C-alpha atoms as a PDB file:
ATOM      1  CA  MET A   1       6.362  23.810 -10.909  1.00  0.00           C
ATOM      2  CA  ALA A   2       9.052  21.694 -12.533  1.00  0.00           C
ATOM      3  CA  LYS A   3      11.375  23.449 -14.917  1.00  0.00           C
ATOM      4  CA  PRO A   4      11.185  22.125 -18.506  1.00  0.00           C
ATOM      5  CA  LYS A   5      14.970  21.931 -18.859  1.00  0.00           C
ATOM      6  CA  HIS A   6      15.224  19.896 -15.686  1.00  0.00           C
ATOM      7  CA  ILE A   7      12.461  17.536 -16.887  1.00  0.00           C
ATOM      8  CA  ASP A   8      14.290  17.012 -20.165  1.00  0.00           C
ATOM      9  CA  LYS A   9      17.483  16.139 -18.294  1.00  0.00           C
ATOM     10  CA  PHE A  10      15.573  13.714 -16.056  1.00  0.00           C
ATOM     11  CA  TYR A  11      14.084  11.895 -19.004  1.00  0.00           C
ATOM     12  CA  SER A  12      17.494  11.700 -20.698  1.00  0.00           C
ATOM     13  CA  GLY A  13      18.378   8.794 -18.428  1.00  0.00           C
ATOM     14  CA  VAL A  14      20.211   8.264 -15.167  1.00  0.00           C
ATOM     15  CA  GLU A  15      23.718   8.472 -16.676  1.00  0.00           C
ATOM     16  CA  VAL A  16      23.084  11.856 -18.369  1.00  0.00           C
ATOM     17  CA  TRP A  17      21.250  13.168 -15.313  1.00  0.00           C
ATOM     18  CA  ASN A  18      23.969  12.191 -12.849  1.00  0.00           C
ATOM     19  CA  LYS A  19      26.743  13.730 -15.022  1.00  0.00           C
ATOM     20  CA  TRP A  20      24.753  16.941 -15.235  1.00  0.00           C
ATOM     21  CA  ARG A  21      24.235  16.992 -11.454  1.00  0.00           C
ATOM     22  CA  ALA A  22      27.930  16.331 -10.886  1.00  0.00           C
ATOM     23  CA  LYS A  23      28.781  19.213 -13.206  1.00  0.00           C
ATOM     24  CA  TYR A  24      26.390  21.627 -11.474  1.00  0.00           C
ATOM     25  CA  PRO A  25      26.192  20.416  -7.870  1.00  0.00           C
ATOM     26  CA  ARG A  26      24.848  23.700  -6.471  1.00  0.00           C
ATOM     27  CA  LYS A  27      22.096  24.207  -9.065  1.00  0.00           C
ATOM     28  CA  GLN A  28      18.611  24.431  -7.544  1.00  0.00           C
ATOM     29  CA  VAL A  29      16.814  21.582  -9.335  1.00  0.00           C
ATOM     30  CA  ASP A  30      13.037  21.649  -9.561  1.00  0.00           C
ATOM     31  CA  LEU A  31      11.026  18.541 -10.585  1.00  0.00           C
ATOM     32  CA  SER A  32       7.980  19.406  -8.446  1.00  0.00           C
ATOM     33  CA  ARG A  33       4.639  17.863  -9.538  1.00  0.00           C
ATOM     34  CA  LEU A  34       6.369  15.589 -12.047  1.00  0.00           C
ATOM     35  CA  GLU A  35       4.456  12.348 -12.737  1.00  0.00           C
ATOM     36  CA  VAL A  36       6.367   9.246 -13.758  1.00  0.00           C
ATOM     37  CA  THR A  37       5.001   5.711 -14.148  1.00  0.00           C
ATOM     38  CA  GLY A  38       6.893   2.590 -15.035  1.00  0.00           C
ATOM     39  CA  ALA A  39       3.901   0.636 -16.367  1.00  0.00           C
ATOM     40  CA  PRO A  40       1.715   2.344 -18.972  1.00  0.00           C
ATOM     41  CA  SER A  41      -0.129  -0.838 -19.934  1.00  0.00           C
ATOM     42  CA  ARG A  42      -2.954  -2.386 -17.959  1.00  0.00           C
ATOM     43  CA  LEU A  43      -1.465  -5.841 -18.228  1.00  0.00           C
ATOM     44  CA  ALA A  44       1.706  -4.670 -16.542  1.00  0.00           C
ATOM     45  CA  ARG A  45      -0.133  -3.896 -13.251  1.00  0.00           C
ATOM     46  CA  LEU A  46      -0.796  -7.437 -12.166  1.00  0.00           C
ATOM     47  CA  GLY A  47       1.887  -8.146  -9.525  1.00  0.00           C
ATOM     48  CA  LYS A  48       3.524  -7.111  -6.312  1.00  0.00           C
ATOM     49  CA  PRO A  49       6.171  -4.325  -6.284  1.00  0.00           C
ATOM     50  CA  GLY A  50       9.694  -5.600  -6.776  1.00  0.00           C
ATOM     51  CA  VAL A  51       8.628  -9.251  -6.759  1.00  0.00           C
ATOM     52  CA  ASN A  52       6.369  -9.479  -9.821  1.00  0.00           C
ATOM     53  CA  ARG A  53       6.705 -12.876 -11.522  1.00  0.00           C
ATOM     54  CA  GLU A  54       3.892 -12.475 -13.990  1.00  0.00           C
ATOM     55  CA  VAL A  55       4.380 -12.920 -17.724  1.00  0.00           C
ATOM     56  CA  PHE A  56       4.313  -9.142 -18.208  1.00  0.00           C
ATOM     57  CA  GLY A  57       6.750  -8.449 -15.359  1.00  0.00           C
ATOM     58  CA  ILE A  58       9.614  -7.495 -17.666  1.00  0.00           C
ATOM     59  CA  PHE A  59       7.632  -4.467 -18.847  1.00  0.00           C
ATOM     60  CA  ARG A  60       6.628  -3.437 -15.356  1.00  0.00           C
ATOM     61  CA  VAL A  61       9.221  -1.408 -13.471  1.00  0.00           C
ATOM     62  CA  LYS A  62      11.070   1.687 -14.686  1.00  0.00           C
ATOM     63  CA  ASP A  63      14.721   1.650 -13.533  1.00  0.00           C
ATOM     64  CA  TYR A  64      16.249   4.713 -11.850  1.00  0.00           C
ATOM     65  CA  HIS A  65      19.130   2.895 -10.153  1.00  0.00           C
ATOM     66  CA  GLU A  66      21.583   5.153  -8.330  1.00  0.00           C
ATOM     67  CA  ILE A  67      20.021   8.398  -9.572  1.00  0.00           C
ATOM     68  CA  ASN A  68      21.275  11.478  -7.736  1.00  0.00           C
ATOM     69  CA  LEU A  69      18.294  13.491  -6.481  1.00  0.00           C
ATOM     70  CA  GLN A  70      20.097  15.242  -3.610  1.00  0.00           C
ATOM     71  CA  ASN A  71      18.502  18.539  -2.587  1.00  0.00           C
ATOM     72  CA  THR A  72      16.056  18.333  -5.461  1.00  0.00           C
ATOM     73  CA  ASN A  73      12.617  19.899  -5.199  1.00  0.00           C
ATOM     74  CA  LEU A  74      10.280  16.915  -5.645  1.00  0.00           C
ATOM     75  CA  ALA A  75       7.268  18.396  -3.902  1.00  0.00           C
ATOM     76  CA  GLY A  76       4.010  16.907  -5.105  1.00  0.00           C
ATOM     77  CA  VAL A  77       5.602  14.366  -7.480  1.00  0.00           C
ATOM     78  CA  VAL A  78       3.792  11.140  -8.333  1.00  0.00           C
ATOM     79  CA  PHE A  79       6.067   8.170  -8.963  1.00  0.00           C
ATOM     80  CA  SER A  80       4.414   4.830  -9.802  1.00  0.00           C
ATOM     81  CA  GLU A  81       6.063   1.445 -10.287  1.00  0.00           C
ATOM     82  CA  ILE A  82       9.654   2.687 -10.121  1.00  0.00           C
ATOM     83  CA  ASP A  83      12.839   0.911  -8.978  1.00  0.00           C
ATOM     84  CA  PHE A  84      14.994   3.477  -7.099  1.00  0.00           C
ATOM     85  CA  THR A  85      17.636   1.020  -5.936  1.00  0.00           C
ATOM     86  CA  GLY A  86      20.702   2.940  -4.757  1.00  0.00           C
ATOM     87  CA  ALA A  87      19.102   6.331  -5.350  1.00  0.00           C
ATOM     88  CA  ASP A  88      20.228   9.382  -3.318  1.00  0.00           C
ATOM     89  CA  PHE A  89      17.404  11.581  -1.991  1.00  0.00           C
ATOM     90  CA  ARG A  90      19.462  13.274   0.744  1.00  0.00           C
ATOM     91  CA  GLY A  91      18.083  16.710   1.545  1.00  0.00           C
ATOM     92  CA  ALA A  92      15.370  16.458  -1.086  1.00  0.00           C
ATOM     93  CA  ASN A  93      12.017  18.129  -0.610  1.00  0.00           C
ATOM     94  CA  LEU A  94       9.349  15.413  -1.104  1.00  0.00           C
ATOM     95  CA  ALA A  95       6.479  17.198   0.646  1.00  0.00           C
ATOM     96  CA  LYS A  96       3.027  15.984  -0.527  1.00  0.00           C
ATOM     97  CA  ALA A  97       4.593  13.439  -2.951  1.00  0.00           C
ATOM     98  CA  GLN A  98       3.026  10.088  -3.761  1.00  0.00           C
ATOM     99  CA  PHE A  99       4.905   6.870  -4.321  1.00  0.00           C
ATOM    100  CA  ARG A 100       2.951   3.839  -5.573  1.00  0.00           C
ATOM    101  CA  GLN A 101       4.567   0.406  -5.855  1.00  0.00           C
ATOM    102  CA  VAL A 102       8.084   1.806  -5.626  1.00  0.00           C
ATOM    103  CA  LEU A 103      11.211  -0.089  -4.489  1.00  0.00           C
ATOM    104  CA  PHE A 104      13.542   1.824  -2.181  1.00  0.00           C
ATOM    105  CA  ALA A 105      16.493  -0.556  -1.828  1.00  0.00           C
ATOM    106  CA  ASP A 106      19.760   0.850  -0.471  1.00  0.00           C
ATOM    107  CA  VAL A 107      18.275   4.331  -0.826  1.00  0.00           C
ATOM    108  CA  LYS A 108      19.470   7.398   1.118  1.00  0.00           C
ATOM    109  CA  LEU A 109      16.580   9.477   2.512  1.00  0.00           C
ATOM    110  CA  ASP A 110      18.714  11.268   5.052  1.00  0.00           C
ATOM    111  CA  GLU A 111      17.473  14.788   5.893  1.00  0.00           C
ATOM    112  CA  ALA A 112      14.803  14.514   3.211  1.00  0.00           C
ATOM    113  CA  ASN A 113      11.452  16.211   3.844  1.00  0.00           C
ATOM    114  CA  LEU A 114       8.744  13.505   3.843  1.00  0.00           C
ATOM    115  CA  GLN A 115       5.929  15.534   5.325  1.00  0.00           C
ATOM    116  CA  SER A 116       2.495  14.676   3.952  1.00  0.00           C
ATOM    117  CA  VAL A 117       4.021  12.008   1.688  1.00  0.00           C
ATOM    118  CA  HIS A 118       2.003   8.919   0.833  1.00  0.00           C
ATOM    119  CA  PHE A 119       3.783   5.588   0.306  1.00  0.00           C
ATOM    120  CA  LEU A 120       1.352   3.055  -1.131  1.00  0.00           C
ATOM    121  CA  SER A 121       2.461  -0.570  -1.557  1.00  0.00           C
ATOM    122  CA  CYS A 122       6.167   0.365  -1.549  1.00  0.00           C
ATOM    123  CA  LYS A 123       9.138  -1.548  -0.154  1.00  0.00           C
ATOM    124  CA  PHE A 124      12.007  -0.113   1.877  1.00  0.00           C
ATOM    125  CA  LEU A 125      15.091  -2.306   2.012  1.00  0.00           C
ATOM    126  CA  ARG A 126      18.225  -1.143   3.855  1.00  0.00           C
ATOM    127  CA  THR A 127      16.964   2.421   3.487  1.00  0.00           C
ATOM    128  CA  SER A 128      18.758   5.182   5.463  1.00  0.00           C
ATOM    129  CA  PHE A 129      16.579   7.662   7.388  1.00  0.00           C
ATOM    130  CA  GLU A 130      19.026   9.738   9.393  1.00  0.00           C
ATOM    131  CA  ARG A 131      17.351  13.039  10.378  1.00  0.00           C
ATOM    132  CA  THR A 132      14.565  12.440   7.871  1.00  0.00           C
ATOM    133  CA  ILE A 133      11.644  14.803   8.497  1.00  0.00           C
ATOM    134  CA  LEU A 134       8.265  13.081   8.944  1.00  0.00           C
ATOM    135  CA  GLY A 135       4.838  14.454   9.658  1.00  0.00           C
ATOM    136  CA  HIS A 136       1.379  13.425   8.389  1.00  0.00           C
ATOM    137  CA  THR A 137       3.338  10.783   6.462  1.00  0.00           C
ATOM    138  CA  HIS A 138       1.351   7.742   5.425  1.00  0.00           C
ATOM    139  CA  PHE A 139       2.887   4.265   4.990  1.00  0.00           C
ATOM    140  CA  GLY A 140       0.277   1.954   3.401  1.00  0.00           C
ATOM    141  CA  PHE A 141       1.403  -1.679   2.973  1.00  0.00           C
ATOM    142  CA  SER A 142       4.983  -0.387   2.717  1.00  0.00           C
ATOM    143  CA  PRO A 143       7.237  -2.645   4.778  1.00  0.00           C
ATOM    144  CA  MET A 144      10.576  -1.488   6.140  1.00  0.00           C
ATOM    145  CA  LEU A 145      13.304  -4.129   6.235  1.00  0.00           C
ATOM    146  CA  ASP A 146      16.770  -3.663   7.755  1.00  0.00           C
ATOM    147  CA  SER A 147      16.398   0.147   7.859  1.00  0.00           C
ATOM    148  CA  LYS A 148      19.494   2.228   8.724  1.00  0.00           C
ATOM    149  CA  LYS A 149      19.678   5.109  11.186  1.00  0.00           C
ATOM    150  CA  ALA A 150      15.901   5.096  11.355  1.00  0.00           C
ATOM    151  CA  GLU A 151      15.864   5.989  15.072  1.00  0.00           C
ATOM    152  CA  ASN A 152      17.186   9.484  14.282  1.00  0.00           C
ATOM    153  CA  ILE A 153      14.116  10.882  12.496  1.00  0.00           C
ATOM    154  CA  ILE A 154      12.595  14.308  13.087  1.00  0.00           C
ATOM    155  CA  THR A 155       8.857  14.146  13.611  1.00  0.00           C
ATOM    156  CA  GLN A 156       6.784  17.304  13.051  1.00  0.00           C
ATOM    157  CA  ASN A 157       3.367  15.616  13.299  1.00  0.00           C
ATOM    158  CA  LYS A 158       1.740  12.234  13.661  1.00  0.00           C
ATOM    159  CA  ILE A 159       2.454   9.546  11.014  1.00  0.00           C
ATOM    160  CA  GLN A 160       0.439   6.507   9.895  1.00  0.00           C
ATOM    161  CA  LEU A 161       1.795   3.008   9.737  1.00  0.00           C
ATOM    162  CA  ASP A 162      -0.985   0.642   8.664  1.00  0.00           C
ATOM    163  CA  PHE A 163      -1.315  -2.948   9.849  1.00  0.00           C
ATOM    164  CA  LEU A 164       0.290  -4.559   6.774  1.00  0.00           C
ATOM    165  CA  THR A 165       3.279  -2.173   7.031  1.00  0.00           C
ATOM    166  CA  LEU A 166       3.752  -3.195  10.674  1.00  0.00           C
ATOM    167  CA  TYR A 167       3.188  -6.847   9.934  1.00  0.00           C
ATOM    168  CA  HIS A 168       5.785  -7.152   7.152  1.00  0.00           C
ATOM    169  CA  SER A 169       8.453  -4.849   8.684  1.00  0.00           C
ATOM    170  CA  ASN A 170      11.302  -6.090  10.880  1.00  0.00           C
ATOM    171  CA  ASN A 171      12.847  -3.135  12.605  1.00  0.00           C
ATOM    172  CA  ILE A 172      10.605  -0.123  13.210  1.00  0.00           C
ATOM    173  CA  PRO A 173      12.248   1.962  15.967  1.00  0.00           C
ATOM    174  CA  PRO A 174      10.260   3.211  19.050  1.00  0.00           C
ATOM    175  CA  THR A 175      10.441   6.795  17.723  1.00  0.00           C
ATOM    176  CA  TRP A 176       8.394   5.770  14.655  1.00  0.00           C
ATOM    177  CA  LEU A 177       5.902   3.842  16.791  1.00  0.00           C
ATOM    178  CA  GLN A 178       5.466   6.761  19.157  1.00  0.00           C
ATOM    179  CA  ALA A 179       4.830   9.120  16.235  1.00  0.00           C
ATOM    180  CA  ALA A 180       2.220   6.678  14.942  1.00  0.00           C
ATOM    181  CA  GLY A 181       0.550   6.282  18.346  1.00  0.00           C
ATOM    182  CA  ILE A 182       1.399   2.569  18.495  1.00  0.00           C
ATOM    183  CA  SER A 183       2.675   0.969  21.660  1.00  0.00           C
ATOM    184  CA  LEU A 184       5.825  -1.126  21.622  1.00  0.00           C
ATOM    185  CA  GLN A 185       3.773  -4.019  23.028  1.00  0.00           C
ATOM    186  CA  SER A 186       1.349  -3.838  20.121  1.00  0.00           C
ATOM    187  CA  PHE A 187       4.154  -3.907  17.604  1.00  0.00           C
ATOM    188  CA  GLN A 188       5.824  -6.854  19.364  1.00  0.00           C
ATOM    189  CA  TRP A 189       2.514  -8.717  19.304  1.00  0.00           C
ATOM    190  CA  ILE A 190       2.163  -8.064  15.533  1.00  0.00           C
ATOM    191  CA  GLN A 191       5.733  -9.227  15.033  1.00  0.00           C
ATOM    192  CA  HIS A 192       4.899 -12.402  16.978  1.00  0.00           C
ATOM    193  CA  LEU A 193       2.031 -13.039  14.521  1.00  0.00           C
ATOM    194  CA  ARG A 194       4.451 -12.513  11.635  1.00  0.00           C
ATOM    195  CA  SER A 195       6.918 -15.028  13.066  1.00  0.00           C
ATOM    196  CA  ASN A 196       4.184 -17.677  12.701  1.00  0.00           C
ATOM    197  CA  HIS A 197       3.152 -16.453   9.251  1.00  0.00           C
ATOM    198  CA  LYS A 198       1.128 -19.039   7.350  1.00  0.00           C
ATOM    199  CA  TYR A 199      -1.669 -16.996   5.769  1.00  0.00           C
ATOM    200  CA  LYS A 200      -2.005 -15.044   2.545  1.00  0.00           C
ATOM    201  CA  ASP A 201      -2.356 -11.227   2.508  1.00  0.00           C
ATOM    202  CA  CYS A 202      -6.049 -10.442   2.250  1.00  0.00           C
ATOM    203  CA  PHE A 203      -8.119  -7.514   0.953  1.00  0.00           C
ATOM    204  CA  ILE A 204     -11.635  -7.162   2.437  1.00  0.00           C
ATOM    205  CA  SER A 205     -14.208  -5.741   0.064  1.00  0.00           C
ATOM    206  CA  PHE A 206     -17.533  -4.714   1.646  1.00  0.00           C
ATOM    207  CA  SER A 207     -20.305  -2.137   1.817  1.00  0.00           C
ATOM    208  CA  SER A 208     -19.962   0.394   4.642  1.00  0.00           C
ATOM    209  CA  GLN A 209     -23.476  -0.662   5.727  1.00  0.00           C
ATOM    210  CA  ASP A 210     -21.967  -4.039   6.729  1.00  0.00           C
ATOM    211  CA  GLN A 211     -19.190  -2.497   8.782  1.00  0.00           C
ATOM    212  CA  ALA A 212     -20.237  -4.114  12.082  1.00  0.00           C
ATOM    213  CA  PHE A 213     -19.614  -7.558  10.643  1.00  0.00           C
ATOM    214  CA  VAL A 214     -16.360  -6.518   8.989  1.00  0.00           C
ATOM    215  CA  LEU A 215     -14.966  -5.063  12.241  1.00  0.00           C
ATOM    216  CA  THR A 216     -15.675  -8.357  13.982  1.00  0.00           C
ATOM    217  CA  LEU A 217     -14.228 -10.391  11.084  1.00  0.00           C
ATOM    218  CA  ARG A 218     -11.037  -8.328  10.829  1.00  0.00           C
ATOM    219  CA  ALA A 219     -10.403  -8.484  14.570  1.00  0.00           C
ATOM    220  CA  ALA A 220     -10.801 -12.280  14.447  1.00  0.00           C
ATOM    221  CA  LEU A 221      -8.484 -12.623  11.421  1.00  0.00           C
ATOM    222  CA  ILE A 222      -5.773 -10.440  12.979  1.00  0.00           C
ATOM    223  CA  HIS A 223      -6.028 -12.419  16.231  1.00  0.00           C
ATOM    224  CA  GLN A 224      -5.367 -15.540  14.157  1.00  0.00           C
ATOM    225  CA  GLY A 225      -2.354 -13.878  12.466  1.00  0.00           C
ATOM    226  CA  VAL A 226      -3.958 -13.157   9.113  1.00  0.00           C
ATOM    227  CA  PRO A 227      -2.517 -10.000   7.420  1.00  0.00           C
ATOM    228  CA  CYS A 228      -5.552  -8.188   6.027  1.00  0.00           C
ATOM    229  CA  TRP A 229      -6.240  -4.728   4.618  1.00  0.00           C
ATOM    230  CA  TYR A 230      -9.348  -2.858   5.755  1.00  0.00           C
ATOM    231  CA  ALA A 231     -10.222   0.534   4.241  1.00  0.00           C
ATOM    232  CA  HIS A 232     -11.818   2.152   7.263  1.00  0.00           C
ATOM    233  CA  GLN A 233      -8.615   1.845   9.273  1.00  0.00           C
ATOM    234  CA  ASP A 234      -5.839   1.588   6.645  1.00  0.00           C
ATOM    235  CA  LEU A 235      -6.888   3.945   3.854  1.00  0.00           C
ATOM    236  CA  ARG A 236      -5.062   7.311   3.943  1.00  0.00           C
ATOM    237  CA  LEU A 237      -8.428   9.098   3.588  1.00  0.00           C
ATOM    238  CA  ASN A 238      -9.240   7.969   7.135  1.00  0.00           C
ATOM    239  CA  PHE A 239      -5.891   9.047   8.625  1.00  0.00           C
ATOM    240  CA  GLU A 240      -6.505  11.887  11.022  1.00  0.00           C
ATOM    241  CA  GLY A 241      -3.481  13.739   9.639  1.00  0.00           C
ATOM    242  CA  PHE A 242      -4.878  13.642   6.091  1.00  0.00           C
ATOM    243  CA  THR A 243      -6.222  17.068   5.156  1.00  0.00           C
ATOM    244  CA  GLN A 244      -6.069  17.053   1.342  1.00  0.00           C
ATOM    245  CA  GLU A 245      -9.082  16.628  -0.882  1.00  0.00           C
ATOM    246  CA  ILE A 246      -9.099  13.408  -2.842  1.00  0.00           C
ATOM    247  CA  SER A 247     -11.073  12.625  -5.996  1.00  0.00           C
ATOM    248  CA  ASP A 248     -12.984   9.472  -6.668  1.00  0.00           C
ATOM    249  CA  TYR A 249     -10.387   8.591  -9.307  1.00  0.00           C
ATOM    250  CA  GLU A 250      -7.536   8.961  -6.884  1.00  0.00           C
ATOM    251  CA  LEU A 251      -9.381   7.055  -4.189  1.00  0.00           C
ATOM    252  CA  GLY A 252      -9.979   4.246  -6.649  1.00  0.00           C
ATOM    253  CA  HIS A 253      -6.294   4.281  -7.579  1.00  0.00           C
ATOM    254  CA  ASP A 254      -5.448   3.816  -3.918  1.00  0.00           C
ATOM    255  CA  LEU A 255      -7.800   0.899  -3.559  1.00  0.00           C
ATOM    256  CA  PHE A 256      -6.563  -0.795  -6.731  1.00  0.00           C
ATOM    257  CA  THR A 257      -2.963  -0.440  -5.510  1.00  0.00           C
ATOM    258  CA  PHE A 258      -3.815  -2.423  -2.401  1.00  0.00           C
ATOM    259  CA  ILE A 259      -5.920  -4.992  -4.277  1.00  0.00           C
ATOM    260  CA  ASP A 260      -2.948  -5.599  -6.554  1.00  0.00           C
ATOM    261  CA  ALA A 261      -0.608  -6.041  -3.568  1.00  0.00           C
ATOM    262  CA  CYS A 262      -2.804  -8.575  -1.727  1.00  0.00           C
ATOM    263  CA  ASP A 263      -3.119 -12.297  -2.602  1.00  0.00           C
ATOM    264  CA  VAL A 264      -6.709 -13.047  -1.628  1.00  0.00           C
ATOM    265  CA  PHE A 265      -9.847 -10.985  -2.161  1.00  0.00           C
ATOM    266  CA  LEU A 266     -12.475 -11.468   0.567  1.00  0.00           C
ATOM    267  CA  LEU A 267     -15.856 -10.366  -0.695  1.00  0.00           C
ATOM    268  CA  VAL A 268     -18.543  -9.675   1.943  1.00  0.00           C
ATOM    269  CA  LEU A 269     -21.606 -10.611  -0.086  1.00  0.00           C
ATOM    270  CA  SER A 270     -24.928  -8.996   0.879  1.00  0.00           C
ATOM    271  CA  PRO A 271     -27.716  -6.928  -0.767  1.00  0.00           C
ATOM    272  CA  ASN A 272     -25.767  -3.890   0.393  1.00  0.00           C
ATOM    273  CA  SER A 273     -22.561  -4.898  -1.407  1.00  0.00           C
ATOM    274  CA  LEU A 274     -24.525  -5.778  -4.543  1.00  0.00           C
ATOM    275  CA  ARG A 275     -25.647  -2.122  -4.648  1.00  0.00           C
ATOM    276  CA  SER A 276     -22.220  -0.662  -3.844  1.00  0.00           C
ATOM    277  CA  LYS A 277     -20.390   1.194  -6.606  1.00  0.00           C
ATOM    278  CA  TRP A 278     -17.032   0.724  -4.888  1.00  0.00           C
ATOM    279  CA  VAL A 279     -17.492  -2.992  -4.368  1.00  0.00           C
ATOM    280  CA  LYS A 280     -18.375  -3.409  -8.034  1.00  0.00           C
ATOM    281  CA  GLU A 281     -15.181  -1.613  -9.098  1.00  0.00           C
ATOM    282  CA  GLU A 282     -13.075  -3.619  -6.620  1.00  0.00           C
ATOM    283  CA  ILE A 283     -14.449  -6.966  -7.891  1.00  0.00           C
ATOM    284  CA  GLU A 284     -13.711  -5.886 -11.480  1.00  0.00           C
ATOM    285  CA  ARG A 285     -10.143  -5.120 -10.518  1.00  0.00           C
ATOM    286  CA  SER A 286      -9.657  -8.360  -8.615  1.00  0.00           C
ATOM    287  CA  SER A 287     -11.136 -10.583 -11.293  1.00  0.00           C
ATOM    288  CA  TYR A 288      -7.862 -10.491 -13.369  1.00  0.00           C
ATOM    289  CA  LYS A 289      -5.777 -12.600 -11.049  1.00  0.00           C
ATOM    290  CA  LYS A 290      -7.010 -12.726  -7.444  1.00  0.00           C
ATOM    291  CA  ARG A 291      -8.458 -15.693  -5.638  1.00  0.00           C
ATOM    292  CA  ILE A 292     -11.916 -14.454  -4.635  1.00  0.00           C
ATOM    293  CA  ILE A 293     -13.573 -15.913  -1.533  1.00  0.00           C
ATOM    294  CA  PRO A 294     -17.207 -14.805  -1.121  1.00  0.00           C
ATOM    295  CA  LEU A 295     -18.466 -14.540   2.422  1.00  0.00           C
ATOM    296  CA  LEU A 296     -22.228 -14.805   2.465  1.00  0.00           C
ATOM    297  CA  LEU A 297     -23.604 -12.341   5.007  1.00  0.00           C
ATOM    298  CA  GLU A 298     -27.266 -12.253   3.983  1.00  0.00           C
ATOM    299  CA  ASP A 299     -29.517 -14.223   1.645  1.00  0.00           C
ATOM    300  CA  ILE A 300     -29.393 -13.043  -1.932  1.00  0.00           C
ATOM    301  CA  HIS A 301     -31.029 -14.296  -5.104  1.00  0.00           C
ATOM    302  CA  SER A 302     -28.616 -15.452  -7.829  1.00  0.00           C
ATOM    303  CA  GLU A 303     -30.527 -13.550 -10.475  1.00  0.00           C
ATOM    304  CA  THR A 304     -29.733 -10.279  -8.640  1.00  0.00           C
ATOM    305  CA  ILE A 305     -25.982 -10.827  -8.999  1.00  0.00           C
ATOM    306  CA  PRO A 306     -24.609  -8.439 -11.729  1.00  0.00           C
ATOM    307  CA  ASP A 307     -23.207  -9.969 -14.879  1.00  0.00           C
ATOM    308  CA  ILE A 308     -19.632  -9.004 -13.938  1.00  0.00           C
ATOM    309  CA  TRP A 309     -19.983 -11.283 -10.881  1.00  0.00           C
ATOM    310  CA  GLN A 310     -21.286 -14.331 -12.750  1.00  0.00           C
ATOM    311  CA  SER A 311     -18.266 -16.427 -11.707  1.00  0.00           C
ATOM    312  CA  LEU A 312     -19.427 -16.042  -8.092  1.00  0.00           C
ATOM    313  CA  LYS A 313     -22.541 -18.075  -8.814  1.00  0.00           C
ATOM    314  CA  THR A 314     -20.507 -21.256  -8.849  1.00  0.00           C
ATOM    315  CA  SER A 315     -18.049 -20.175  -6.195  1.00  0.00           C
ATOM    316  CA  SER A 316     -18.011 -21.889  -2.824  1.00  0.00           C
ATOM    317  CA  PHE A 317     -19.542 -19.423  -0.423  1.00  0.00           C
ATOM    318  CA  ILE A 318     -18.581 -19.405   3.227  1.00  0.00           C
ATOM    319  CA  ASP A 319     -21.760 -19.001   5.267  1.00  0.00           C
ATOM    320  CA  PHE A 320     -21.601 -16.118   7.758  1.00  0.00           C
ATOM    321  CA  ARG A 321     -25.360 -15.408   7.817  1.00  0.00           C
ATOM    322  CA  GLN A 322     -25.534 -16.270  11.543  1.00  0.00           C
ATOM    323  CA  TRP A 323     -22.292 -14.451  12.418  1.00  0.00           C
ATOM    324  CA  LYS A 324     -23.789 -12.990  15.597  1.00  0.00           C
ATOM    325  CA  THR A 325     -23.999 -16.545  16.996  1.00  0.00           C
ATOM    326  CA  ARG A 326     -20.597 -17.284  18.456  1.00  0.00           C
ATOM    327  CA  ASP A 327     -20.368 -20.973  17.515  1.00  0.00           C
ATOM    328  CA  HIS A 328     -21.577 -20.316  13.984  1.00  0.00           C
ATOM    329  CA  PHE A 329     -19.069 -17.476  13.514  1.00  0.00           C
ATOM    330  CA  LEU A 330     -16.161 -19.537  14.826  1.00  0.00           C
ATOM    331  CA  GLY A 331     -17.105 -22.485  12.621  1.00  0.00           C
ATOM    332  CA  SER A 332     -17.227 -20.315   9.475  1.00  0.00           C
ATOM    333  CA  LEU A 333     -13.987 -18.587  10.497  1.00  0.00           C
ATOM    334  CA  GLN A 334     -12.176 -21.954  10.614  1.00  0.00           C
ATOM    335  CA  ILE A 335     -13.340 -22.789   7.100  1.00  0.00           C
ATOM    336  CA  LEU A 336     -12.077 -19.393   5.927  1.00  0.00           C
ATOM    337  CA  LEU A 337      -8.687 -19.832   7.605  1.00  0.00           C
ATOM    338  CA  ALA A 338      -8.253 -23.194   5.874  1.00  0.00           C
ATOM    339  CA  ARG A 339      -8.858 -21.545   2.487  1.00  0.00           C
ATOM    340  CA  ILE A 340      -6.356 -18.698   2.963  1.00  0.00           C
ATOM    341  CA  THR A 341      -3.504 -20.751   4.348  1.00  0.00           C
ATOM    342  CA  ALA A 342      -0.298 -19.909   2.528  1.00  0.00           C
END
């Protein structure tokens, strides 16, 4: 567990912390299981990490620029909505840590232990990864841009790079792809889609009972170059290297993080989704700022739509009721593509 004196120093600010670390460079510093968030208010959670332009953006990100966390025990920490630009994590132990909506610009992660770490909607910009230790590490919608020394990682186990991470990254080395079980040809194809980028990032909300349709829809969207997030393949809970128990609260936090990061909310509307607890919570989250596009999968009666979804009654549905018919599916897909063009 974190030591109270070390926590007090950490919360004293970067300048005080760095002077203390410089004075005692060999001290074994323990901040394990510390939880820090940069946005205590609900209104402050309405934008993308590092690029928020909402009215409440100035309250959003806590600044830890150039903080010295070398060789620090950060096992199990939870950092949310933090700007770590220029921070030094060399040799730090980050095992089982969680980072949500964190900016890693010009950060040193050399020789850091990132085993079983979850990066959710983070951004890596010119980050150094020389001899960084990876294994069961999950990158969810966390693009890597202009990474440094990333080819020299040490992999202990498989890692997960979800589709949106691959789509928005520009230089993932073959060693990372191999550790994630992704072929170089697949990554090059995804990068080709990115070079022709013209669609918004999409979140697909659906009932698991409608999974057959969603699998077909997502495959068609990806083929067209649409970056979209799909829980059954991209959620860390479904990563084969994920062995930890996760509560409904934490699972919901994961889903909300990805909803916040996407631009368009695709709602698969059916009697199944009307009964789904998770779909209800996702639609409540998205209603603050997302463009919601309902995809009608089965006939429903308007009076059965919950009160929280009243705005959907006047929304323009896209009809996918005959999705198993090729011509009908392709016609509806073209209507959808036109509505999510960037």
